Every structure is written in structure tokens, then in C-alpha cells.
PDB file of N, CA and C in Angstrom:
ATOM      1  N   UNK A   1     156.622 207.573  85.433  1.00  0.00           N
ATOM      2  CA  UNK A   1     157.310 207.625  84.333  1.00  0.00           C
ATOM      3  C   UNK A   1     156.918 209.215  84.025  1.00  0.00           C
ATOM      4  N   UNK A   2     157.792 210.224  83.844  1.00  0.00           N
ATOM      5  CA  UNK A   2     157.922 211.393  83.010  1.00  0.00           C
ATOM      6  C   UNK A   2     158.230 211.072  81.743  1.00  0.00           C
ATOM      7  N   UNK A   3     157.652 211.519  80.906  1.00  0.00           N
ATOM      8  CA  UNK A   3     157.515 211.785  79.407  1.00  0.00           C
ATOM      9  C   UNK A   3     158.030 213.027  78.884  1.00  0.00           C
ATOM     10  N   UNK A   4     158.718 213.259  77.451  1.00  0.00           N
ATOM     11  CA  UNK A   4     158.496 214.801  77.263  1.00  0.00           C
ATOM     12  C   UNK A   4     158.041 214.110  75.255  1.00  0.00           C
ATOM     13  N   UNK A   5     156.451 214.905  74.933  1.00  0.00           N
ATOM     14  CA  UNK A   5     156.677 214.364  73.814  1.00  0.00           C
ATOM     15  C   UNK A   5     156.488 215.962  73.077  1.00  0.00           C
ATOM     16  N   UNK A   6     156.709 215.525  71.570  1.00  0.00           N
ATOM     17  CA  UNK A   6     156.673 216.703  70.635  1.00  0.00           C
ATOM     18  C   UNK A   6     155.652 216.172  69.658  1.00  0.00           C
ATOM     19  N   UNK A   7     154.700 216.665  69.559  1.00  0.00           N
ATOM     20  CA  UNK A   7     153.114 216.496  67.992  1.00  0.00           C
ATOM     21  C   UNK A   7     153.536 217.064  67.460  1.00  0.00           C
ATOM     22  N   UNK A   8     153.781 216.521  65.855  1.00  0.00           N
ATOM     23  CA  UNK A   8     153.244 217.193  64.750  1.00  0.00           C
ATOM     24  C   UNK A   8     151.956 216.875  64.084  1.00  0.00           C
ATOM     25  N   UNK A   9     151.160 218.186  63.809  1.00  0.00           N
ATOM     26  CA  UNK A   9     149.904 218.124  63.299  1.00  0.00           C
ATOM     27  C   UNK A   9     150.131 218.589  61.558  1.00  0.00           C
ATOM     28  N   UNK A  10     150.101 218.057  60.532  1.00  0.00           N
ATOM     29  CA  UNK A  10     149.801 218.488  59.439  1.00  0.00           C
ATOM     30  C   UNK A  10     148.487 218.516  59.314  1.00  0.00           C
ATOM     31  N   UNK A  11     147.985 219.151  57.742  1.00  0.00           N
ATOM     32  CA  UNK A  11     147.096 219.383  56.731  1.00  0.00           C
ATOM     33  C   UNK A  11     147.020 218.181  56.174  1.00  0.00           C
ATOM     34  N   UNK A  12     145.838 217.205  55.794  1.00  0.00           N
ATOM     35  CA  UNK A  12     146.209 215.964  54.884  1.00  0.00           C
ATOM     36  C   UNK A  12     146.460 216.617  53.744  1.00  0.00           C
ATOM     37  N   UNK A  13     146.877 215.702  52.724  1.00  0.00           N
ATOM     38  CA  UNK A  13     147.952 216.222  51.279  1.00  0.00           C
ATOM     39  C   UNK A  13     146.181 216.443  50.532  1.00  0.00           C
ATOM     40  N   UNK A  14     145.316 215.966  50.851  1.00  0.00           N
ATOM     41  CA  UNK A  14     143.991 216.226  49.731  1.00  0.00           C
ATOM     42  C   UNK A  14     143.624 217.184  50.351  1.00  0.00           C
ATOM     43  N   UNK A  15     143.681 218.168  51.612  1.00  0.00           N
ATOM     44  CA  UNK A  15     143.469 219.701  51.600  1.00  0.00           C
ATOM     45  C   UNK A  15     144.195 220.810  51.687  1.00  0.00           C
ATOM     46  N   UNK A  16     143.232 221.761  50.833  1.00  0.00           N
ATOM     47  CA  UNK A  16     143.996 222.628  50.331  1.00  0.00           C
ATOM     48  C   UNK A  16     144.457 223.498  51.271  1.00  0.00           C
ATOM     49  N   UNK A  17     145.783 224.539  51.165  1.00  0.00           N
ATOM     50  CA  UNK A  17     146.494 225.084  52.467  1.00  0.00           C
ATOM     51  C   UNK A  17     146.662 226.660  52.143  1.00  0.00           C
ATOM     52  N   UNK A  18     145.550 227.441  52.491  1.00  0.00           N
ATOM     53  CA  UNK A  18     145.655 228.658  51.967  1.00  0.00           C
ATOM     54  C   UNK A  18     147.063 229.675  52.192  1.00  0.00           C
ATOM     55  N   UNK A  19     147.037 229.297  53.990  1.00  0.00           N
ATOM     56  CA  UNK A  19     148.502 229.919  54.667  1.00  0.00           C
ATOM     57  C   UNK A  19     149.406 229.287  54.040  1.00  0.00           C
ATOM     58  N   UNK A  20     149.689 227.929  53.566  1.00  0.00           N
ATOM     59  CA  UNK A  20     150.775 227.801  52.640  1.00  0.00           C
ATOM     60  C   UNK A  20     151.240 228.067  51.295  1.00  0.00           C
ATOM     61  N   UNK A  21     150.167 227.855  50.862  1.00  0.00           N
ATOM     62  CA  UNK A  21     149.825 228.914  49.370  1.00  0.00           C
ATOM     63  C   UNK A  21     150.771 230.379  49.420  1.00  0.00           C
ATOM     64  N   UNK A  22     149.953 231.536  50.391  1.00  0.00           N
ATOM     65  CA  UNK A  22     150.453 232.938  50.754  1.00  0.00           C
ATOM     66  C   UNK A  22     151.973 232.893  50.998  1.00  0.00           C
ATOM     67  N   UNK A  23     152.655 231.840  52.084  1.00  0.00           N
ATOM     68  CA  UNK A  23     153.876 231.427  52.387  1.00  0.00           C
ATOM     69  C   UNK A  23     154.557 231.582  50.983  1.00  0.00           C
ATOM     70  N   UNK A  24     153.904 230.698  50.108  1.00  0.00           N
ATOM     71  CA  UNK A  24     155.010 230.096  48.904  1.00  0.00           C
ATOM     72  C   UNK A  24     155.129 231.397  48.418  1.00  0.00           C
ATOM     73  N   UNK A  25     153.972 231.987  48.085  1.00  0.00           N
ATOM     74  CA  UNK A  25     153.925 233.215  47.449  1.00  0.00           C
ATOM     75  C   UNK A  25     154.659 234.024  47.681  1.00  0.00           C
ATOM     76  N   UNK A  26     155.240 234.073  49.254  1.00  0.00           N
ATOM     77  CA  UNK A  26     155.862 235.856  49.641  1.00  0.00           C
ATOM     78  C   UNK A  26     157.199 234.818  49.734  1.00  0.00           C
ATOM     79  N   UNK A  27     158.318 234.223  49.464  1.00  0.00           N
ATOM     80  CA  UNK A  27     158.991 233.500  49.575  1.00  0.00           C
ATOM     81  C   UNK A  27     159.400 233.281  47.968  1.00  0.00           C
ATOM     82  N   UNK A  28     158.305 233.067  47.241  1.00  0.00           N
ATOM     83  CA  UNK A  28     158.940 233.239  45.902  1.00  0.00           C
ATOM     84  C   UNK A  28     159.195 234.643  45.455  1.00  0.00           C
ATOM     85  N   UNK A  29     158.489 235.169  45.858  1.00  0.00           N
ATOM     86  CA  UNK A  29     158.378 237.148  45.888  1.00  0.00           C
ATOM     87  C   UNK A  29     159.896 237.350  46.512  1.00  0.00           C
ATOM     88  N   UNK A  30     160.515 237.055  47.464  1.00  0.00           N
ATOM     89  CA  UNK A  30     161.777 236.974  47.662  1.00  0.00           C
ATOM     90  C   UNK A  30     162.710 235.925  47.427  1.00  0.00           C
ATOM     91  N   UNK A  31     162.590 236.203  46.777  1.00  0.00           N
ATOM     92  CA  UNK A  31     163.902 235.121  45.227  1.00  0.00           C
ATOM     93  C   UNK A  31     164.113 233.829  46.316  1.00  0.00           C
ATOM     94  N   UNK A  32     163.577 233.087  47.184  1.00  0.00           N
ATOM     95  CA  UNK A  32     163.058 231.913  47.448  1.00  0.00           C
ATOM     96  C   UNK A  32     162.260 230.956  46.709  1.00  0.00           C
ATOM     97  N   UNK A  33     162.763 229.892  45.460  1.00  0.00           N
ATOM     98  CA  UNK A  33     162.208 229.537  44.696  1.00  0.00           C
ATOM     99  C   UNK A  33     161.574 228.081  45.105  1.00  0.00           C
ATOM    100  N   UNK A  34     160.856 227.980  46.004  1.00  0.00           N
ATOM    101  CA  UNK A  34     160.529 226.686  46.900  1.00  0.00           C
ATOM    102  C   UNK A  34     159.203 225.766  45.945  1.00  0.00           C
ATOM    103  N   UNK A  35     159.307 224.739  45.833  1.00  0.00           N
ATOM    104  CA  UNK A  35     158.303 223.712  45.437  1.00  0.00           C
ATOM    105  C   UNK A  35     156.843 223.736  45.623  1.00  0.00           C
ATOM    106  N   UNK A  36     156.787 223.676  47.381  1.00  0.00           N
ATOM    107  CA  UNK A  36     155.469 224.025  48.197  1.00  0.00           C
ATOM    108  C   UNK A  36     155.392 223.991  49.299  1.00  0.00           C
ATOM    109  N   UNK A  37     154.768 224.905  50.340  1.00  0.00           N
ATOM    110  CA  UNK A  37     154.524 225.056  51.680  1.00  0.00           C
ATOM    111  C   UNK A  37     152.995 224.514  52.224  1.00  0.00           C
ATOM    112  N   UNK A  38     153.785 224.102  52.702  1.00  0.00           N
ATOM    113  CA  UNK A  38     152.824 223.519  53.803  1.00  0.00           C
ATOM    114  C   UNK A  38     152.643 223.789  55.194  1.00  0.00           C
ATOM    115  N   UNK A  39     151.503 224.532  56.030  1.00  0.00           N
ATOM    116  CA  UNK A  39     152.103 224.930  57.290  1.00  0.00           C
ATOM    117  C   UNK A  39     151.364 223.772  58.565  1.00  0.00           C
ATOM    118  N   UNK A  40     151.561 223.589  59.457  1.00  0.00           N
ATOM    119  CA  UNK A  40     151.238 222.785  60.453  1.00  0.00           C
ATOM    120  C   UNK A  40     151.611 223.133  61.508  1.00  0.00           C
ATOM    121  N   UNK A  41     150.858 222.099  62.352  1.00  0.00           N
ATOM    122  CA  UNK A  41     151.478 222.909  64.460  1.00  0.00           C
ATOM    123  C   UNK A  41     151.851 222.004  64.962  1.00  0.00           C
ATOM    124  N   UNK A  42     153.062 222.216  65.864  1.00  0.00           N
ATOM    125  CA  UNK A  42     153.868 221.590  66.822  1.00  0.00           C
ATOM    126  C   UNK A  42     153.351 221.598  68.367  1.00  0.00           C
ATOM    127  N   UNK A  43     153.489 220.549  68.737  1.00  0.00           N
ATOM    128  CA  UNK A  43     152.946 220.735  70.193  1.00  0.00           C
ATOM    129  C   UNK A  43     153.880 220.219  71.154  1.00  0.00           C
ATOM    130  N   UNK A  44     154.779 220.483  72.173  1.00  0.00           N
ATOM    131  CA  UNK A  44     154.998 220.088  73.241  1.00  0.00           C
ATOM    132  C   UNK A  44     153.973 219.349  74.941  1.00  0.00           C
ATOM    133  N   UNK A  45     154.690 218.140  75.144  1.00  0.00           N
ATOM    134  CA  UNK A  45     153.311 217.846  75.985  1.00  0.00           C
ATOM    135  C   UNK A  45     154.813 217.140  77.079  1.00  0.00           C
ATOM    136  N   UNK A  46     154.704 217.413  78.415  1.00  0.00           N
ATOM    137  CA  UNK A  46     154.716 216.994  79.119  1.00  0.00           C
ATOM    138  C   UNK A  46     154.041 215.881  80.276  1.00  0.00           C
ATOM    139  N   UNK A  47     154.135 214.505  80.677  1.00  0.00           N
ATOM    140  CA  UNK A  47     152.947 213.547  80.988  1.00  0.00           C
ATOM    141  C   UNK A  47     153.319 212.593  82.039  1.00  0.00           C
ATOM    142  N   UNK A  48     152.967 212.168  82.519  1.00  0.00           N
ATOM    143  CA  UNK A  48     153.416 211.111  83.289  1.00  0.00           C
ATOM    144  C   UNK A  48     152.245 209.649  82.625  1.00  0.00           C
ATOM    145  N   UNK A  49     153.352 208.952  82.727  1.00  0.00           N
ATOM    146  CA  UNK A  49     152.410 207.404  82.638  1.00  0.00           C
ATOM    147  C   UNK A  49     152.993 205.940  83.125  1.00  0.00           C
ATOM    148  N   UNK A  50     152.635 205.577  83.464  1.00  0.00           N
ATOM    149  CA  UNK A  50     153.205 204.104  84.132  1.00  0.00           C
ATOM    150  C   UNK A  50     154.842 203.297  83.044  1.00  0.00           C
ATOM    151  N   UNK A  51     154.189 202.746  81.729  1.00  0.00           N
ATOM    152  CA  UNK A  51     155.133 202.746  81.041  1.00  0.00           C
ATOM    153  C   UNK A  51     154.940 203.609  79.633  1.00  0.00           C
ATOM    154  N   UNK A  52     155.471 203.004  78.278  1.00  0.00           N
ATOM    155  CA  UNK A  52     155.574 203.576  76.634  1.00  0.00           C
ATOM    156  C   UNK A  52     154.225 203.658  76.426  1.00  0.00           C
ATOM    157  N   UNK A  53     153.430 202.397  76.521  1.00  0.00           N
ATOM    158  CA  UNK A  53     152.416 202.015  76.154  1.00  0.00           C
ATOM    159  C   UNK A  53     151.011 202.656  76.860  1.00  0.00           C
ATOM    160  N   UNK A  54     151.273 203.246  78.038  1.00  0.00           N
ATOM    161  CA  UNK A  54     149.686 203.919  78.436  1.00  0.00           C
ATOM    162  C   UNK A  54     150.143 205.559  77.986  1.00  0.00           C
ATOM    163  N   UNK A  55     151.740 205.623  77.222  1.00  0.00           N
ATOM    164  CA  UNK A  55     152.096 207.358  76.778  1.00  0.00           C
ATOM    165  C   UNK A  55     151.578 207.112  75.293  1.00  0.00           C
ATOM    166  N   UNK A  56     151.479 206.225  75.106  1.00  0.00           N
ATOM    167  CA  UNK A  56     151.150 206.118  73.429  1.00  0.00           C
ATOM    168  C   UNK A  56     149.717 206.691  73.523  1.00  0.00           C
ATOM    169  N   UNK A  57     149.211 205.275  74.049  1.00  0.00           N
ATOM    170  CA  UNK A  57     147.785 205.721  74.753  1.00  0.00           C
ATOM    171  C   UNK A  57     146.700 207.094  74.550  1.00  0.00           C
ATOM    172  N   UNK A  58     147.472 208.013  75.997  1.00  0.00           N
ATOM    173  CA  UNK A  58     146.894 209.044  76.309  1.00  0.00           C
ATOM    174  C   UNK A  58     147.810 209.716  75.103  1.00  0.00           C
ATOM    175  N   UNK A  59     148.866 210.497  74.588  1.00  0.00           N
ATOM    176  CA  UNK A  59     149.122 210.627  73.862  1.00  0.00           C
ATOM    177  C   UNK A  59     147.890 211.143  72.047  1.00  0.00           C
ATOM    178  N   UNK A  60     148.237 209.803  71.547  1.00  0.00           N
ATOM    179  CA  UNK A  60     146.924 209.403  70.744  1.00  0.00           C
ATOM    180  C   UNK A  60     145.582 209.705  70.795  1.00  0.00           C
ATOM    181  N   UNK A  61     145.147 209.163  72.061  1.00  0.00           N
ATOM    182  CA  UNK A  61     144.095 210.048  72.532  1.00  0.00           C
ATOM    183  C   UNK A  61     143.870 211.556  72.481  1.00  0.00           C
ATOM    184  N   UNK A  62     145.031 212.217  73.020  1.00  0.00           N
ATOM    185  CA  UNK A  62     145.348 214.033  73.284  1.00  0.00           C
ATOM    186  C   UNK A  62     144.921 214.537  72.082  1.00  0.00           C
ATOM    187  N   UNK A  63     145.685 213.765  70.930  1.00  0.00           N
ATOM    188  CA  UNK A  63     145.852 214.316  69.745  1.00  0.00           C
ATOM    189  C   UNK A  63     145.022 213.816  68.527  1.00  0.00           C
ATOM    190  N   UNK A  64     144.094 213.413  69.121  1.00  0.00           N
ATOM    191  CA  UNK A  64     143.003 212.675  68.079  1.00  0.00           C
ATOM    192  C   UNK A  64     141.221 213.223  68.775  1.00  0.00           C
ATOM    193  N   UNK A  65     141.861 213.402  69.976  1.00  0.00           N
ATOM    194  CA  UNK A  65     139.848 214.893  70.512  1.00  0.00           C
ATOM    195  C   UNK A  65     140.548 215.967  70.155  1.00  0.00           C
ATOM    196  N   UNK A  66     141.212 216.708  70.966  1.00  0.00           N
ATOM    197  CA  UNK A  66     141.763 217.981  70.809  1.00  0.00           C
ATOM    198  C   UNK A  66     142.511 218.353  69.729  1.00  0.00           C
ATOM    199  N   UNK A  67     143.740 217.819  69.792  1.00  0.00           N
ATOM    200  CA  UNK A  67     144.799 218.653  69.278  1.00  0.00           C
ATOM    201  C   UNK A  67     145.178 218.577  67.950  1.00  0.00           C
ATOM    202  N   UNK A  68     144.084 217.653  67.039  1.00  0.00           N
ATOM    203  CA  UNK A  68     143.898 217.500  65.838  1.00  0.00           C
ATOM    204  C   UNK A  68     142.486 217.347  65.638  1.00  0.00           C
ATOM    205  N   UNK A  69     142.111 217.615  64.363  1.00  0.00           N
ATOM    206  CA  UNK A  69     141.108 217.612  63.586  1.00  0.00           C
ATOM    207  C   UNK A  69     141.226 216.716  62.576  1.00  0.00           C
ATOM    208  N   UNK A  70     140.997 215.016  63.055  1.00  0.00           N
ATOM    209  CA  UNK A  70     141.100 214.584  62.301  1.00  0.00           C
ATOM    210  C   UNK A  70     140.439 213.730  61.169  1.00  0.00           C
ATOM    211  N   UNK A  71     139.481 215.107  60.540  1.00  0.00           N
ATOM    212  CA  UNK A  71     139.440 214.654  59.186  1.00  0.00           C
ATOM    213  C   UNK A  71     139.455 215.288  58.081  1.00  0.00           C
ATOM    214  N   UNK A  72     140.621 216.498  58.757  1.00  0.00           N
ATOM    215  CA  UNK A  72     141.513 217.502  58.252  1.00  0.00           C
ATOM    216  C   UNK A  72     143.000 217.356  58.133  1.00  0.00           C
ATOM    217  N   UNK A  73     143.165 216.775  59.298  1.00  0.00           N
ATOM    218  CA  UNK A  73     144.326 216.907  60.272  1.00  0.00           C
ATOM    219  C   UNK A  73     145.135 215.209  60.082  1.00  0.00           C
ATOM    220  N   UNK A  74     146.622 215.492  59.375  1.00  0.00           N
ATOM    221  CA  UNK A  74     146.934 214.104  60.155  1.00  0.00           C
ATOM    222  C   UNK A  74     148.114 214.393  61.112  1.00  0.00           C
ATOM    223  N   UNK A  75     148.187 213.877  62.203  1.00  0.00           N
ATOM    224  CA  UNK A  75     149.385 213.787  63.413  1.00  0.00           C
ATOM    225  C   UNK A  75     150.741 212.438  63.704  1.00  0.00           C
ATOM    226  N   UNK A  76     151.128 213.265  64.132  1.00  0.00           N
ATOM    227  CA  UNK A  76     152.754 211.595  64.528  1.00  0.00           C
ATOM    228  C   UNK A  76     153.200 212.326  65.871  1.00  0.00           C
ATOM    229  N   UNK A  77     153.641 211.094  66.579  1.00  0.00           N
ATOM    230  CA  UNK A  77     154.250 212.144  67.607  1.00  0.00           C
ATOM    231  C   UNK A  77     155.543 211.161  68.104  1.00  0.00           C
ATOM    232  N   UNK A  78     156.350 211.633  68.583  1.00  0.00           N
ATOM    233  CA  UNK A  78     157.301 210.576  69.429  1.00  0.00           C
ATOM    234  C   UNK A  78     157.752 211.080  70.908  1.00  0.00           C
ATOM    235  N   UNK A  79     157.872 210.572  71.408  1.00  0.00           N
ATOM    236  CA  UNK A  79     158.365 211.118  73.121  1.00  0.00           C
ATOM    237  C   UNK A  79     159.956 210.179  73.563  1.00  0.00           C
ATOM    238  N   UNK A  80     159.718 211.118  74.473  1.00  0.00           N
ATOM    239  CA  UNK A  80     161.129 210.061  75.392  1.00  0.00           C
ATOM    240  C   UNK A  80     160.877 210.456  76.765  1.00  0.00           C
ATOM    241  N   UNK A  81     162.101 209.200  77.576  1.00  0.00           N
ATOM    242  CA  UNK A  81     160.901 209.135  78.747  1.00  0.00           C
ATOM    243  C   UNK A  81     162.533 210.041  79.384  1.00  0.00           C
ATOM    244  N   UNK A  82     161.692 211.502  80.452  1.00  0.00           N
ATOM    245  CA  UNK A  82     162.660 212.090  80.912  1.00  0.00           C
ATOM    246  C   UNK A  82     163.260 211.624  82.600  1.00  0.00           C
ATOM    247  N   UNK A  83     163.904 212.140  83.454  1.00  0.00           N
ATOM    248  CA  UNK A  83     164.441 211.703  84.429  1.00  0.00           C
ATOM    249  C   UNK A  83     164.348 212.476  85.482  1.00  0.00           C
TER     250      UNK A  83
END
């Protein structure tokens, strides 16, 4: 089966986010008063797997070993089967 996955990678809440702080500051200077900004990554992957369980296992492994740094980042993903 073919799947389309979306992976969202964010810094853990305890990790400082200098890029987010810079964007927040710029937004405030532009008169957009926001409480906080966190910068993350978004990845789309097309993959093949025999079933949902295998797709989950492959995506979890890819995110944990390559796409995210598990020491400072969290990730979540969602996927759908495509025809």
C-alpha cells in the first residue's frame, strides 16, 4: 500500500528557541502582539508499507533516527493511504 505522511517536528518545551524569540520580537515590532513563537520543521514523505502498523513503524524509525533529534525535539506524524 502507498501512504502519504506528514511529520511535524518541534523543539521540546524545555529547550530555548532563539529563532522563535527573534520572530516573536519582529512580530511585536510589526504590531502583532503574540504571546510566544516556536519554530519547527515539517516533512512530507510518500512511502510504501504492507499495512498501517508497518507504516507507523517505518515513520517512527525515520523520525527518531534521522529527521528529529530526540534529545531536544519531539515529533508527531499523521498519514493516509493513497490510491
